[in-house]
């Protein structure tokens, strides 16, 4: 009886932790000539994991490459992270002025946003 209860608890925890994981798929980053940009308005991002992240107005970003989903922008003088069951360094992926997701450099993968967010750069 105790063994079966323990298995149920472990299974439930595994399902909950999987639900909190940052979802991502492999992505190939193609380098481009770097271009600097400054975020002109702040943005609040609610991730599928339930966590929120703030993009500060005036933060500097450097376009460093492209993936199939858009242009990849790395923060300048800062580190931007995503939280789920783990913490991941993340770079913005923009397509036509909208944040569509994140490039995770350590994992070499793309993590999509469920709903793209308009962002404005100077």
PDB file of N, CA and C in Angstrom:
ATOM      1  N   UNK A   1       0.821  -1.193   0.000  1.00  0.00           N
ATOM      2  CA  UNK A   1       0.000   0.000   0.000  1.00  0.00           C
ATOM      3  C   UNK A   1       0.864   1.256   0.000  1.00  0.00           C
ATOM      4  N   UNK A   2       1.877   1.296   0.898  1.00  0.00           N
ATOM      5  CA  UNK A   2       2.752   2.464   0.965  1.00  0.00           C
ATOM      6  C   UNK A   2       3.527   2.634  -0.335  1.00  0.00           C
ATOM      7  N   UNK A   3       3.949   1.520  -0.927  1.00  0.00           N
ATOM      8  CA  UNK A   3       4.713   1.567  -2.164  1.00  0.00           C
ATOM      9  C   UNK A   3       3.882   2.168  -3.296  1.00  0.00           C
ATOM     10  N   UNK A   4       2.631   1.802  -3.389  1.00  0.00           N
ATOM     11  CA  UNK A   4       1.748   2.328  -4.425  1.00  0.00           C
ATOM     12  C   UNK A   4       1.467   3.820  -4.199  1.00  0.00           C
ATOM     13  N   UNK A   5       1.308   4.237  -2.950  1.00  0.00           N
ATOM     14  CA  UNK A   5       1.116   5.659  -2.618  1.00  0.00           C
ATOM     15  C   UNK A   5       2.356   6.459  -3.027  1.00  0.00           C
ATOM     16  N   UNK A   6       3.528   5.930  -2.706  1.00  0.00           N
ATOM     17  CA  UNK A   6       4.791   6.585  -3.044  1.00  0.00           C
ATOM     18  C   UNK A   6       4.911   6.765  -4.560  1.00  0.00           C
ATOM     19  N   UNK A   7       4.559   5.735  -5.323  1.00  0.00           N
ATOM     20  CA  UNK A   7       4.621   5.819  -6.787  1.00  0.00           C
ATOM     21  C   UNK A   7       3.675   6.887  -7.322  1.00  0.00           C
ATOM     22  N   UNK A   8       2.499   6.998  -6.745  1.00  0.00           N
ATOM     23  CA  UNK A   8       1.537   8.028  -7.163  1.00  0.00           C
ATOM     24  C   UNK A   8       2.079   9.428  -6.890  1.00  0.00           C
ATOM     25  N   UNK A   9       2.683   9.614  -5.726  1.00  0.00           N
ATOM     26  CA  UNK A   9       3.254  10.921  -5.371  1.00  0.00           C
ATOM     27  C   UNK A   9       4.393  11.270  -6.320  1.00  0.00           C
ATOM     28  N   UNK A  10       5.276  10.322  -6.589  1.00  0.00           N
ATOM     29  CA  UNK A  10       6.398  10.563  -7.498  1.00  0.00           C
ATOM     30  C   UNK A  10       5.880  10.892  -8.899  1.00  0.00           C
ATOM     31  N   UNK A  11       4.890  10.161  -9.377  1.00  0.00           N
ATOM     32  CA  UNK A  11       4.322  10.423 -10.700  1.00  0.00           C
ATOM     33  C   UNK A  11       3.691  11.811 -10.762  1.00  0.00           C
ATOM     34  N   UNK A  12       2.967  12.204  -9.723  1.00  0.00           N
ATOM     35  CA  UNK A  12       2.341  13.528  -9.690  1.00  0.00           C
ATOM     36  C   UNK A  12       3.392  14.631  -9.702  1.00  0.00           C
ATOM     37  N   UNK A  13       4.448  14.457  -8.939  1.00  0.00           N
ATOM     38  CA  UNK A  13       5.529  15.453  -8.920  1.00  0.00           C
ATOM     39  C   UNK A  13       6.207  15.552 -10.280  1.00  0.00           C
ATOM     40  N   UNK A  14       6.420  14.434 -10.929  1.00  0.00           N
ATOM     41  CA  UNK A  14       7.048  14.443 -12.252  1.00  0.00           C
ATOM     42  C   UNK A  14       6.189  15.203 -13.257  1.00  0.00           C
ATOM     43  N   UNK A  15       4.889  14.996 -13.216  1.00  0.00           N
ATOM     44  CA  UNK A  15       3.976  15.707 -14.111  1.00  0.00           C
ATOM     45  C   UNK A  15       4.003  17.202 -13.820  1.00  0.00           C
ATOM     46  N   UNK A  16       3.989  17.592 -12.554  1.00  0.00           N
ATOM     47  CA  UNK A  16       4.007  19.011 -12.190  1.00  0.00           C
ATOM     48  C   UNK A  16       5.310  19.666 -12.629  1.00  0.00           C
ATOM     49  N   UNK A  17       6.437  19.017 -12.429  1.00  0.00           N
ATOM     50  CA  UNK A  17       7.719  19.598 -12.819  1.00  0.00           C
ATOM     51  C   UNK A  17       7.833  19.721 -14.325  1.00  0.00           C
ATOM     52  N   UNK A  18       7.333  18.756 -15.054  1.00  0.00           N
ATOM     53  CA  UNK A  18       7.353  18.833 -16.503  1.00  0.00           C
ATOM     54  C   UNK A  18       6.517  20.008 -16.976  1.00  0.00           C
ATOM     55  N   UNK A  19       5.408  20.269 -16.330  1.00  0.00           N
ATOM     56  CA  UNK A  19       4.556  21.391 -16.692  1.00  0.00           C
ATOM     57  C   UNK A  19       5.218  22.729 -16.455  1.00  0.00           C
ATOM     58  N   UNK A  20       6.209  22.795 -15.581  1.00  0.00           N
ATOM     59  CA  UNK A  20       6.900  24.038 -15.267  1.00  0.00           C
ATOM     60  C   UNK A  20       8.164  24.221 -16.089  1.00  0.00           C
ATOM     61  N   UNK A  21       8.514  23.237 -16.901  1.00  0.00           N
ATOM     62  CA  UNK A  21       9.746  23.319 -17.678  1.00  0.00           C
ATOM     63  C   UNK A  21       9.589  24.302 -18.830  1.00  0.00           C
ATOM     64  N   UNK A  22      10.681  24.980 -19.164  1.00  0.00           N
ATOM     65  CA  UNK A  22      10.703  25.849 -20.331  1.00  0.00           C
ATOM     66  C   UNK A  22      10.748  24.939 -21.557  1.00  0.00           C
ATOM     67  N   UNK A  23       9.755  25.054 -22.426  1.00  0.00           N
ATOM     68  CA  UNK A  23       9.691  24.227 -23.624  1.00  0.00           C
ATOM     69  C   UNK A  23      10.614  24.816 -24.684  1.00  0.00           C
ATOM     70  N   UNK A  24      11.389  23.964 -25.364  1.00  0.00           N
ATOM     71  CA  UNK A  24      12.265  24.464 -26.414  1.00  0.00           C
ATOM     72  C   UNK A  24      12.550  23.380 -27.439  1.00  0.00           C
ATOM     73  N   UNK A  25      12.910  23.843 -28.646  1.00  0.00           N
ATOM     74  CA  UNK A  25      13.241  22.950 -29.753  1.00  0.00           C
ATOM     75  C   UNK A  25      14.617  23.341 -30.287  1.00  0.00           C
ATOM     76  N   UNK A  26      15.366  22.398 -30.860  1.00  0.00           N
ATOM     77  CA  UNK A  26      16.684  22.731 -31.405  1.00  0.00           C
ATOM     78  C   UNK A  26      16.592  23.855 -32.444  1.00  0.00           C
ATOM     79  N   UNK A  27      17.596  24.734 -32.445  1.00  0.00           N
ATOM     80  CA  UNK A  27      17.636  25.846 -33.403  1.00  0.00           C
ATOM     81  C   UNK A  27      19.086  26.123 -33.775  1.00  0.00           C
ATOM     82  N   UNK A  28      19.305  26.442 -35.040  1.00  0.00           N
ATOM     83  CA  UNK A  28      20.644  26.779 -35.519  1.00  0.00           C
ATOM     84  C   UNK A  28      20.749  28.285 -35.644  1.00  0.00           C
ATOM     85  N   UNK A  29      21.728  28.866 -34.955  1.00  0.00           N
ATOM     86  CA  UNK A  29      21.957  30.310 -34.993  1.00  0.00           C
ATOM     87  C   UNK A  29      22.920  30.627 -36.129  1.00  0.00           C
ATOM     88  N   UNK A  30      22.456  31.443 -37.085  1.00  0.00           N
ATOM     89  CA  UNK A  30      23.306  31.906 -38.182  1.00  0.00           C
ATOM     90  C   UNK A  30      23.770  33.316 -37.843  1.00  0.00           C
ATOM     91  N   UNK A  31      25.083  33.518 -37.801  1.00  0.00           N
ATOM     92  CA  UNK A  31      25.643  34.817 -37.414  1.00  0.00           C
ATOM     93  C   UNK A  31      25.332  35.893 -38.454  1.00  0.00           C
ATOM     94  N   UNK A  32      25.170  37.132 -37.970  1.00  0.00           N
ATOM     95  CA  UNK A  32      24.987  38.307 -38.821  1.00  0.00           C
ATOM     96  C   UNK A  32      25.928  39.391 -38.311  1.00  0.00           C
ATOM     97  N   UNK A  33      26.070  40.476 -39.080  1.00  0.00           N
ATOM     98  CA  UNK A  33      26.848  41.618 -38.598  1.00  0.00           C
ATOM     99  C   UNK A  33      26.104  42.217 -37.421  1.00  0.00           C
ATOM    100  N   UNK A  34      26.766  42.368 -36.265  1.00  0.00           N
ATOM    101  CA  UNK A  34      26.086  42.881 -35.068  1.00  0.00           C
ATOM    102  C   UNK A  34      25.502  44.275 -35.279  1.00  0.00           C
ATOM    103  N   UNK A  35      24.321  44.492 -34.734  1.00  0.00           N
ATOM    104  CA  UNK A  35      23.659  45.797 -34.785  1.00  0.00           C
ATOM    105  C   UNK A  35      23.039  46.064 -33.421  1.00  0.00           C
ATOM    106  N   UNK A  36      23.334  47.237 -32.863  1.00  0.00           N
ATOM    107  CA  UNK A  36      22.857  47.590 -31.526  1.00  0.00           C
ATOM    108  C   UNK A  36      21.484  48.252 -31.589  1.00  0.00           C
ATOM    109  N   UNK A  37      20.662  48.000 -30.580  1.00  0.00           N
ATOM    110  CA  UNK A  37      19.335  48.613 -30.480  1.00  0.00           C
ATOM    111  C   UNK A  37      19.012  48.857 -29.008  1.00  0.00           C
ATOM    112  N   UNK A  38      18.191  49.881 -28.756  1.00  0.00           N
ATOM    113  CA  UNK A  38      17.771  50.223 -27.398  1.00  0.00           C
ATOM    114  C   UNK A  38      16.259  50.054 -27.312  1.00  0.00           C
ATOM    115  N   UNK A  39      15.796  49.332 -26.301  1.00  0.00           N
ATOM    116  CA  UNK A  39      14.362  49.126 -26.102  1.00  0.00           C
ATOM    117  C   UNK A  39      13.732  50.448 -25.680  1.00  0.00           C
ATOM    118  N   UNK A  40      12.743  50.924 -26.433  1.00  0.00           N
ATOM    119  CA  UNK A  40      12.168  52.244 -26.151  1.00  0.00           C
ATOM    120  C   UNK A  40      11.035  52.214 -25.137  1.00  0.00           C
ATOM    121  N   UNK A  41      10.381  51.078 -24.959  1.00  0.00           N
ATOM    122  CA  UNK A  41       9.328  50.974 -23.942  1.00  0.00           C
ATOM    123  C   UNK A  41       9.508  49.683 -23.158  1.00  0.00           C
ATOM    124  N   UNK A  42       9.166  49.727 -21.895  1.00  0.00           N
ATOM    125  CA  UNK A  42       9.271  48.535 -21.048  1.00  0.00           C
ATOM    126  C   UNK A  42       8.233  47.501 -21.476  1.00  0.00           C
ATOM    127  N   UNK A  43       8.519  46.257 -21.195  1.00  0.00           N
ATOM    128  CA  UNK A  43       7.573  45.192 -21.501  1.00  0.00           C
ATOM    129  C   UNK A  43       7.563  44.147 -20.405  1.00  0.00           C
ATOM    130  N   UNK A  44       6.387  43.622 -20.114  1.00  0.00           N
ATOM    131  CA  UNK A  44       6.254  42.540 -19.142  1.00  0.00           C
ATOM    132  C   UNK A  44       5.854  41.292 -19.914  1.00  0.00           C
ATOM    133  N   UNK A  45       6.598  40.229 -19.698  1.00  0.00           N
ATOM    134  CA  UNK A  45       6.370  38.975 -20.402  1.00  0.00           C
ATOM    135  C   UNK A  45       5.887  37.935 -19.406  1.00  0.00           C
ATOM    136  N   UNK A  46       4.751  37.319 -19.696  1.00  0.00           N
ATOM    137  CA  UNK A  46       4.289  36.194 -18.891  1.00  0.00           C
ATOM    138  C   UNK A  46       4.598  34.927 -19.674  1.00  0.00           C
ATOM    139  N   UNK A  47       5.445  34.103 -19.101  1.00  0.00           N
ATOM    140  CA  UNK A  47       5.861  32.872 -19.761  1.00  0.00           C
ATOM    141  C   UNK A  47       4.831  31.771 -19.560  1.00  0.00           C
ATOM    142  N   UNK A  48       4.886  30.760 -20.409  1.00  0.00           N
ATOM    143  CA  UNK A  48       3.982  29.614 -20.274  1.00  0.00           C
ATOM    144  C   UNK A  48       4.192  28.891 -18.949  1.00  0.00           C
ATOM    145  N   UNK A  49       5.357  29.078 -18.329  1.00  0.00           N
ATOM    146  CA  UNK A  49       5.655  28.448 -17.043  1.00  0.00           C
ATOM    147  C   UNK A  49       4.942  29.149 -15.891  1.00  0.00           C
ATOM    148  N   UNK A  50       4.357  30.336 -16.167  1.00  0.00           N
ATOM    149  CA  UNK A  50       3.694  31.107 -15.119  1.00  0.00           C
ATOM    150  C   UNK A  50       4.569  32.210 -14.559  1.00  0.00           C
ATOM    151  N   UNK A  51       5.868  32.156 -14.817  1.00  0.00           N
ATOM    152  CA  UNK A  51       6.780  33.198 -14.360  1.00  0.00           C
ATOM    153  C   UNK A  51       6.650  34.428 -15.251  1.00  0.00           C
ATOM    154  N   UNK A  52       6.990  35.586 -14.704  1.00  0.00           N
ATOM    155  CA  UNK A  52       7.011  36.809 -15.506  1.00  0.00           C
ATOM    156  C   UNK A  52       8.431  37.357 -15.552  1.00  0.00           C
ATOM    157  N   UNK A  53       8.718  38.058 -16.621  1.00  0.00           N
ATOM    158  CA  UNK A  53      10.009  38.720 -16.807  1.00  0.00           C
ATOM    159  C   UNK A  53       9.723  40.141 -17.270  1.00  0.00           C
ATOM    160  N   UNK A  54      10.598  41.058 -16.881  1.00  0.00           N
ATOM    161  CA  UNK A  54      10.452  42.459 -17.273  1.00  0.00           C
ATOM    162  C   UNK A  54      11.598  42.825 -18.202  1.00  0.00           C
ATOM    163  N   UNK A  55      11.248  43.461 -19.314  1.00  0.00           N
ATOM    164  CA  UNK A  55      12.245  44.038 -20.211  1.00  0.00           C
ATOM    165  C   UNK A  55      12.241  45.534 -19.938  1.00  0.00           C
ATOM    166  N   UNK A  56      13.360  46.056 -19.467  1.00  0.00           N
ATOM    167  CA  UNK A  56      13.428  47.455 -19.064  1.00  0.00           C
ATOM    168  C   UNK A  56      13.578  48.397 -20.251  1.00  0.00           C
ATOM    169  N   UNK A  57      12.840  49.501 -20.199  1.00  0.00           N
ATOM    170  CA  UNK A  57      13.004  50.562 -21.176  1.00  0.00           C
ATOM    171  C   UNK A  57      14.439  51.071 -21.078  1.00  0.00           C
ATOM    172  N   UNK A  58      15.074  51.304 -22.203  1.00  0.00           N
ATOM    173  CA  UNK A  58      16.454  51.774 -22.215  1.00  0.00           C
ATOM    174  C   UNK A  58      17.488  50.664 -22.203  1.00  0.00           C
ATOM    175  N   UNK A  59      17.047  49.410 -22.064  1.00  0.00           N
ATOM    176  CA  UNK A  59      18.011  48.303 -22.087  1.00  0.00           C
ATOM    177  C   UNK A  59      18.580  48.166 -23.500  1.00  0.00           C
ATOM    178  N   UNK A  60      19.855  47.785 -23.562  1.00  0.00           N
ATOM    179  CA  UNK A  60      20.550  47.669 -24.844  1.00  0.00           C
ATOM    180  C   UNK A  60      20.626  46.208 -25.269  1.00  0.00           C
ATOM    181  N   UNK A  61      20.407  45.987 -26.564  1.00  0.00           N
ATOM    182  CA  UNK A  61      20.417  44.646 -27.139  1.00  0.00           C
ATOM    183  C   UNK A  61      21.235  44.669 -28.427  1.00  0.00           C
ATOM    184  N   UNK A  62      21.890  43.578 -28.705  1.00  0.00           N
ATOM    185  CA  UNK A  62      22.737  43.459 -29.880  1.00  0.00           C
ATOM    186  C   UNK A  62      22.222  42.319 -30.753  1.00  0.00           C
ATOM    187  N   UNK A  63      21.813  42.659 -31.990  1.00  0.00           N
ATOM    188  CA  UNK A  63      21.393  41.613 -32.932  1.00  0.00           C
ATOM    189  C   UNK A  63      22.640  40.816 -33.302  1.00  0.00           C
ATOM    190  N   UNK A  64      22.632  39.521 -33.015  1.00  0.00           N
ATOM    191  CA  UNK A  64      23.822  38.687 -33.222  1.00  0.00           C
ATOM    192  C   UNK A  64      23.623  37.574 -34.246  1.00  0.00           C
ATOM    193  N   UNK A  65      22.378  37.322 -34.645  1.00  0.00           N
ATOM    194  CA  UNK A  65      22.149  36.237 -35.585  1.00  0.00           C
ATOM    195  C   UNK A  65      20.681  36.043 -35.887  1.00  0.00           C
ATOM    196  N   UNK A  66      20.413  35.002 -36.641  1.00  0.00           N
ATOM    197  CA  UNK A  66      19.033  34.656 -36.970  1.00  0.00           C
ATOM    198  C   UNK A  66      18.810  33.165 -36.730  1.00  0.00           C
ATOM    199  N   UNK A  67      17.573  32.838 -36.419  1.00  0.00           N
ATOM    200  CA  UNK A  67      17.085  31.462 -36.383  1.00  0.00           C
ATOM    201  C   UNK A  67      15.864  31.445 -37.292  1.00  0.00           C
ATOM    202  N   UNK A  68      15.298  30.306 -37.553  1.00  0.00           N
ATOM    203  CA  UNK A  68      14.145  30.212 -38.454  1.00  0.00           C
ATOM    204  C   UNK A  68      12.998  31.121 -38.017  1.00  0.00           C
ATOM    205  N   UNK A  69      12.883  31.382 -36.709  1.00  0.00           N
ATOM    206  CA  UNK A  69      11.752  32.140 -36.171  1.00  0.00           C
ATOM    207  C   UNK A  69      11.966  33.651 -36.178  1.00  0.00           C
ATOM    208  N   UNK A  70      13.203  34.133 -36.391  1.00  0.00           N
ATOM    209  CA  UNK A  70      13.431  35.574 -36.411  1.00  0.00           C
ATOM    210  C   UNK A  70      14.871  35.947 -36.101  1.00  0.00           C
ATOM    211  N   UNK A  71      15.062  37.230 -35.759  1.00  0.00           N
ATOM    212  CA  UNK A  71      16.388  37.773 -35.449  1.00  0.00           C
ATOM    213  C   UNK A  71      16.661  37.654 -33.956  1.00  0.00           C
ATOM    214  N   UNK A  72      17.866  37.224 -33.616  1.00  0.00           N
ATOM    215  CA  UNK A  72      18.251  36.973 -32.227  1.00  0.00           C
ATOM    216  C   UNK A  72      19.010  38.179 -31.674  1.00  0.00           C
ATOM    217  N   UNK A  73      18.554  38.678 -30.507  1.00  0.00           N
ATOM    218  CA  UNK A  73      19.148  39.846 -29.853  1.00  0.00           C
ATOM    219  C   UNK A  73      19.657  39.456 -28.472  1.00  0.00           C
ATOM    220  N   UNK A  74      20.951  39.715 -28.261  1.00  0.00           N
ATOM    221  CA  UNK A  74      21.624  39.398 -26.995  1.00  0.00           C
ATOM    222  C   UNK A  74      21.691  40.667 -26.141  1.00  0.00           C
ATOM    223  N   UNK A  75      21.443  40.566 -24.822  1.00  0.00           N
ATOM    224  CA  UNK A  75      21.542  41.768 -23.981  1.00  0.00           C
ATOM    225  C   UNK A  75      22.993  42.256 -23.894  1.00  0.00           C
ATOM    226  N   UNK A  76      23.156  43.577 -23.813  1.00  0.00           N
ATOM    227  CA  UNK A  76      24.481  44.180 -23.692  1.00  0.00           C
ATOM    228  C   UNK A  76      24.707  44.542 -22.228  1.00  0.00           C
ATOM    229  N   UNK A  77      25.777  44.026 -21.638  1.00  0.00           N
ATOM    230  CA  UNK A  77      26.121  44.350 -20.255  1.00  0.00           C
ATOM    231  C   UNK A  77      25.185  43.767 -19.218  1.00  0.00           C
ATOM    232  N   UNK A  78      24.442  42.742 -19.576  1.00  0.00           N
ATOM    233  CA  UNK A  78      23.470  42.141 -18.667  1.00  0.00           C
ATOM    234  C   UNK A  78      23.267  40.683 -19.066  1.00  0.00           C
ATOM    235  N   UNK A  79      22.585  39.952 -18.226  1.00  0.00           N
ATOM    236  CA  UNK A  79      22.192  38.578 -18.540  1.00  0.00           C
ATOM    237  C   UNK A  79      20.688  38.498 -18.348  1.00  0.00           C
ATOM    238  N   UNK A  80      19.997  37.966 -19.343  1.00  0.00           N
ATOM    239  CA  UNK A  80      18.550  37.790 -19.276  1.00  0.00           C
ATOM    240  C   UNK A  80      18.289  36.300 -19.137  1.00  0.00           C
ATOM    241  N   UNK A  81      17.393  35.925 -18.219  1.00  0.00           N
ATOM    242  CA  UNK A  81      17.126  34.505 -17.977  1.00  0.00           C
ATOM    243  C   UNK A  81      15.635  34.199 -18.005  1.00  0.00           C
ATOM    244  N   UNK A  82      15.333  32.930 -18.259  1.00  0.00           N
ATOM    245  CA  UNK A  82      13.976  32.392 -18.159  1.00  0.00           C
ATOM    246  C   UNK A  82      13.973  31.382 -17.031  1.00  0.00           C
ATOM    247  N   UNK A  83      12.847  31.310 -16.321  1.00  0.00           N
ATOM    248  CA  UNK A  83      12.716  30.343 -15.233  1.00  0.00           C
ATOM    249  C   UNK A  83      11.621  29.347 -15.524  1.00  0.00           C
ATOM    250  N   UNK A  84      11.887  28.124 -15.176  1.00  0.00           N
ATOM    251  CA  UNK A  84      10.924  27.036 -15.217  1.00  0.00           C
ATOM    252  C   UNK A  84      11.378  26.083 -14.137  1.00  0.00           C
ATOM    253  N   UNK A  85      11.560  24.833 -14.492  1.00  0.00           N
ATOM    254  CA  UNK A  85      12.147  23.911 -13.522  1.00  0.00           C
ATOM    255  C   UNK A  85      13.653  24.146 -13.423  1.00  0.00           C
ATOM    256  N   UNK A  86      14.213  24.878 -14.388  1.00  0.00           N
ATOM    257  CA  UNK A  86      15.620  25.285 -14.394  1.00  0.00           C
ATOM    258  C   UNK A  86      15.678  26.752 -14.803  1.00  0.00           C
ATOM    259  N   UNK A  87      16.852  27.363 -14.659  1.00  0.00           N
ATOM    260  CA  UNK A  87      17.060  28.734 -15.125  1.00  0.00           C
ATOM    261  C   UNK A  87      17.915  28.661 -16.379  1.00  0.00           C
ATOM    262  N   UNK A  88      17.480  29.366 -17.439  1.00  0.00           N
ATOM    263  CA  UNK A  88      18.166  29.342 -18.725  1.00  0.00           C
ATOM    264  C   UNK A  88      18.553  30.756 -19.125  1.00  0.00           C
ATOM    265  N   UNK A  89      19.789  30.947 -19.595  1.00  0.00           N
ATOM    266  CA  UNK A  89      20.133  32.218 -20.228  1.00  0.00           C
ATOM    267  C   UNK A  89      19.303  32.305 -21.501  1.00  0.00           C
ATOM    268  N   UNK A  90      18.767  33.493 -21.796  1.00  0.00           N
ATOM    269  CA  UNK A  90      17.889  33.640 -22.953  1.00  0.00           C
ATOM    270  C   UNK A  90      18.177  34.940 -23.698  1.00  0.00           C
ATOM    271  N   UNK A  91      18.095  34.862 -25.011  1.00  0.00           N
ATOM    272  CA  UNK A  91      18.224  36.025 -25.871  1.00  0.00           C
ATOM    273  C   UNK A  91      16.893  36.200 -26.598  1.00  0.00           C
ATOM    274  N   UNK A  92      16.514  37.439 -26.878  1.00  0.00           N
ATOM    275  CA  UNK A  92      15.232  37.718 -27.526  1.00  0.00           C
ATOM    276  C   UNK A  92      15.241  37.262 -28.983  1.00  0.00           C
ATOM    277  N   UNK A  93      14.106  36.759 -29.450  1.00  0.00           N
ATOM    278  CA  UNK A  93      13.922  36.458 -30.873  1.00  0.00           C
ATOM    279  C   UNK A  93      12.753  37.314 -31.349  1.00  0.00           C
ATOM    280  N   UNK A  94      13.065  38.213 -32.296  1.00  0.00           N
ATOM    281  CA  UNK A  94      12.072  39.155 -32.808  1.00  0.00           C
ATOM    282  C   UNK A  94      11.752  38.856 -34.261  1.00  0.00           C
ATOM    283  N   UNK A  95      10.484  39.020 -34.610  1.00  0.00           N
ATOM    284  CA  UNK A  95      10.036  38.879 -35.989  1.00  0.00           C
ATOM    285  C   UNK A  95       9.030  39.985 -36.260  1.00  0.00           C
ATOM    286  N   UNK A  96       9.360  40.874 -37.194  1.00  0.00           N
ATOM    287  CA  UNK A  96       8.484  41.979 -37.583  1.00  0.00           C
ATOM    288  C   UNK A  96       8.016  42.796 -36.380  1.00  0.00           C
ATOM    289  N   UNK A  97       8.959  43.169 -35.505  1.00  0.00           N
ATOM    290  CA  UNK A  97       8.649  44.021 -34.365  1.00  0.00           C
ATOM    291  C   UNK A  97       7.930  43.332 -33.214  1.00  0.00           C
ATOM    292  N   UNK A  98       7.866  42.011 -33.256  1.00  0.00           N
ATOM    293  CA  UNK A  98       7.205  41.267 -32.177  1.00  0.00           C
ATOM    294  C   UNK A  98       8.179  40.272 -31.559  1.00  0.00           C
ATOM    295  N   UNK A  99       8.142  40.181 -30.237  1.00  0.00           N
ATOM    296  CA  UNK A  99       8.906  39.160 -29.525  1.00  0.00           C
ATOM    297  C   UNK A  99       8.150  37.844 -29.698  1.00  0.00           C
ATOM    298  N   UNK A 100       8.777  36.886 -30.402  1.00  0.00           N
ATOM    299  CA  UNK A 100       8.106  35.609 -30.678  1.00  0.00           C
ATOM    300  C   UNK A 100       8.622  34.474 -29.804  1.00  0.00           C
ATOM    301  N   UNK A 101       9.745  34.740 -29.113  1.00  0.00           N
ATOM    302  CA  UNK A 101      10.305  33.708 -28.251  1.00  0.00           C
ATOM    303  C   UNK A 101      11.728  34.046 -27.867  1.00  0.00           C
ATOM    304  N   UNK A 102      12.471  33.007 -27.487  1.00  0.00           N
ATOM    305  CA  UNK A 102      13.814  33.199 -26.958  1.00  0.00           C
ATOM    306  C   UNK A 102      14.760  32.155 -27.531  1.00  0.00           C
ATOM    307  N   UNK A 103      15.979  32.592 -27.798  1.00  0.00           N
ATOM    308  CA  UNK A 103      17.043  31.665 -28.162  1.00  0.00           C
ATOM    309  C   UNK A 103      17.791  31.346 -26.877  1.00  0.00           C
ATOM    310  N   UNK A 104      17.963  30.069 -26.585  1.00  0.00           N
ATOM    311  CA  UNK A 104      18.678  29.622 -25.390  1.00  0.00           C
ATOM    312  C   UNK A 104      20.071  29.182 -25.835  1.00  0.00           C
ATOM    313  N   UNK A 105      21.097  30.043 -25.649  1.00  0.00           N
ATOM    314  CA  UNK A 105      22.414  29.748 -26.213  1.00  0.00           C
ATOM    315  C   UNK A 105      23.071  28.481 -25.661  1.00  0.00           C
ATOM    316  N   UNK A 106      22.937  28.203 -24.397  1.00  0.00           N
ATOM    317  CA  UNK A 106      23.569  27.003 -23.830  1.00  0.00           C
ATOM    318  C   UNK A 106      22.949  25.728 -24.400  1.00  0.00           C
ATOM    319  N   UNK A 107      21.655  25.781 -24.677  1.00  0.00           N
ATOM    320  CA  UNK A 107      20.941  24.611 -25.200  1.00  0.00           C
ATOM    321  C   UNK A 107      20.902  24.587 -26.724  1.00  0.00           C
ATOM    322  N   UNK A 108      21.302  25.721 -27.347  1.00  0.00           N
ATOM    323  CA  UNK A 108      21.199  25.881 -28.805  1.00  0.00           C
ATOM    324  C   UNK A 108      19.793  25.544 -29.272  1.00  0.00           C
ATOM    325  N   UNK A 109      18.832  26.228 -28.646  1.00  0.00           N
ATOM    326  CA  UNK A 109      17.439  25.937 -28.957  1.00  0.00           C
ATOM    327  C   UNK A 109      16.581  27.195 -28.894  1.00  0.00           C
ATOM    328  N   UNK A 110      15.353  27.065 -29.396  1.00  0.00           N
ATOM    329  CA  UNK A 110      14.379  28.149 -29.427  1.00  0.00           C
ATOM    330  C   UNK A 110      13.222  27.788 -28.509  1.00  0.00           C
ATOM    331  N   UNK A 111      12.808  28.763 -27.691  1.00  0.00           N
ATOM    332  CA  UNK A 111      11.658  28.595 -26.804  1.00  0.00           C
ATOM    333  C   UNK A 111      10.590  29.601 -27.224  1.00  0.00           C
ATOM    334  N   UNK A 112       9.465  29.139 -27.765  1.00  0.00           N
ATOM    335  CA  UNK A 112       8.447  30.063 -28.275  1.00  0.00           C
ATOM    336  C   UNK A 112       7.588  30.674 -27.171  1.00  0.00           C
ATOM    337  N   UNK A 113       7.071  31.863 -27.452  1.00  0.00           N
ATOM    338  CA  UNK A 113       6.042  32.467 -26.606  1.00  0.00           C
ATOM    339  C   UNK A 113       4.693  32.039 -27.171  1.00  0.00           C
ATOM    340  N   UNK A 114       3.736  31.739 -26.324  1.00  0.00           N
ATOM    341  CA  UNK A 114       2.399  31.357 -26.793  1.00  0.00           C
ATOM    342  C   UNK A 114       1.759  32.519 -27.552  1.00  0.00           C
ATOM    343  N   UNK A 115       1.962  33.737 -27.051  1.00  0.00           N
ATOM    344  CA  UNK A 115       1.412  34.934 -27.687  1.00  0.00           C
ATOM    345  C   UNK A 115       2.542  35.931 -27.918  1.00  0.00           C
ATOM    346  N   UNK A 116       2.869  36.247 -29.186  1.00  0.00           N
ATOM    347  CA  UNK A 116       3.919  37.232 -29.457  1.00  0.00           C
ATOM    348  C   UNK A 116       3.575  38.591 -28.841  1.00  0.00           C
ATOM    349  N   UNK A 117       4.623  39.336 -28.466  1.00  0.00           N
ATOM    350  CA  UNK A 117       4.460  40.629 -27.804  1.00  0.00           C
ATOM    351  C   UNK A 117       5.128  41.705 -28.648  1.00  0.00           C
ATOM    352  N   UNK A 118       4.405  42.788 -28.982  1.00  0.00           N
ATOM    353  CA  UNK A 118       5.042  43.879 -29.731  1.00  0.00           C
ATOM    354  C   UNK A 118       6.119  44.552 -28.877  1.00  0.00           C
ATOM    355  N   UNK A 119       7.277  44.808 -29.484  1.00  0.00           N
ATOM    356  CA  UNK A 119       8.362  45.524 -28.811  1.00  0.00           C
ATOM    357  C   UNK A 119       8.844  46.634 -29.730  1.00  0.00           C
ATOM    358  N   UNK A 120       9.230  47.750 -29.127  1.00  0.00           N
ATOM    359  CA  UNK A 120       9.684  48.893 -29.905  1.00  0.00           C
ATOM    360  C   UNK A 120      11.122  49.239 -29.535  1.00  0.00           C
ATOM    361  N   UNK A 121      11.985  49.284 -30.546  1.00  0.00           N
ATOM    362  CA  UNK A 121      13.391  49.628 -30.356  1.00  0.00           C
ATOM    363  C   UNK A 121      13.702  50.930 -31.072  1.00  0.00           C
ATOM    364  N   UNK A 122      14.683  51.692 -30.522  1.00  0.00           N
ATOM    365  CA  UNK A 122      15.170  52.916 -31.184  1.00  0.00           C
ATOM    366  C   UNK A 122      16.253  52.527 -32.164  1.00  0.00           C
TER     367      UNK A 122
END
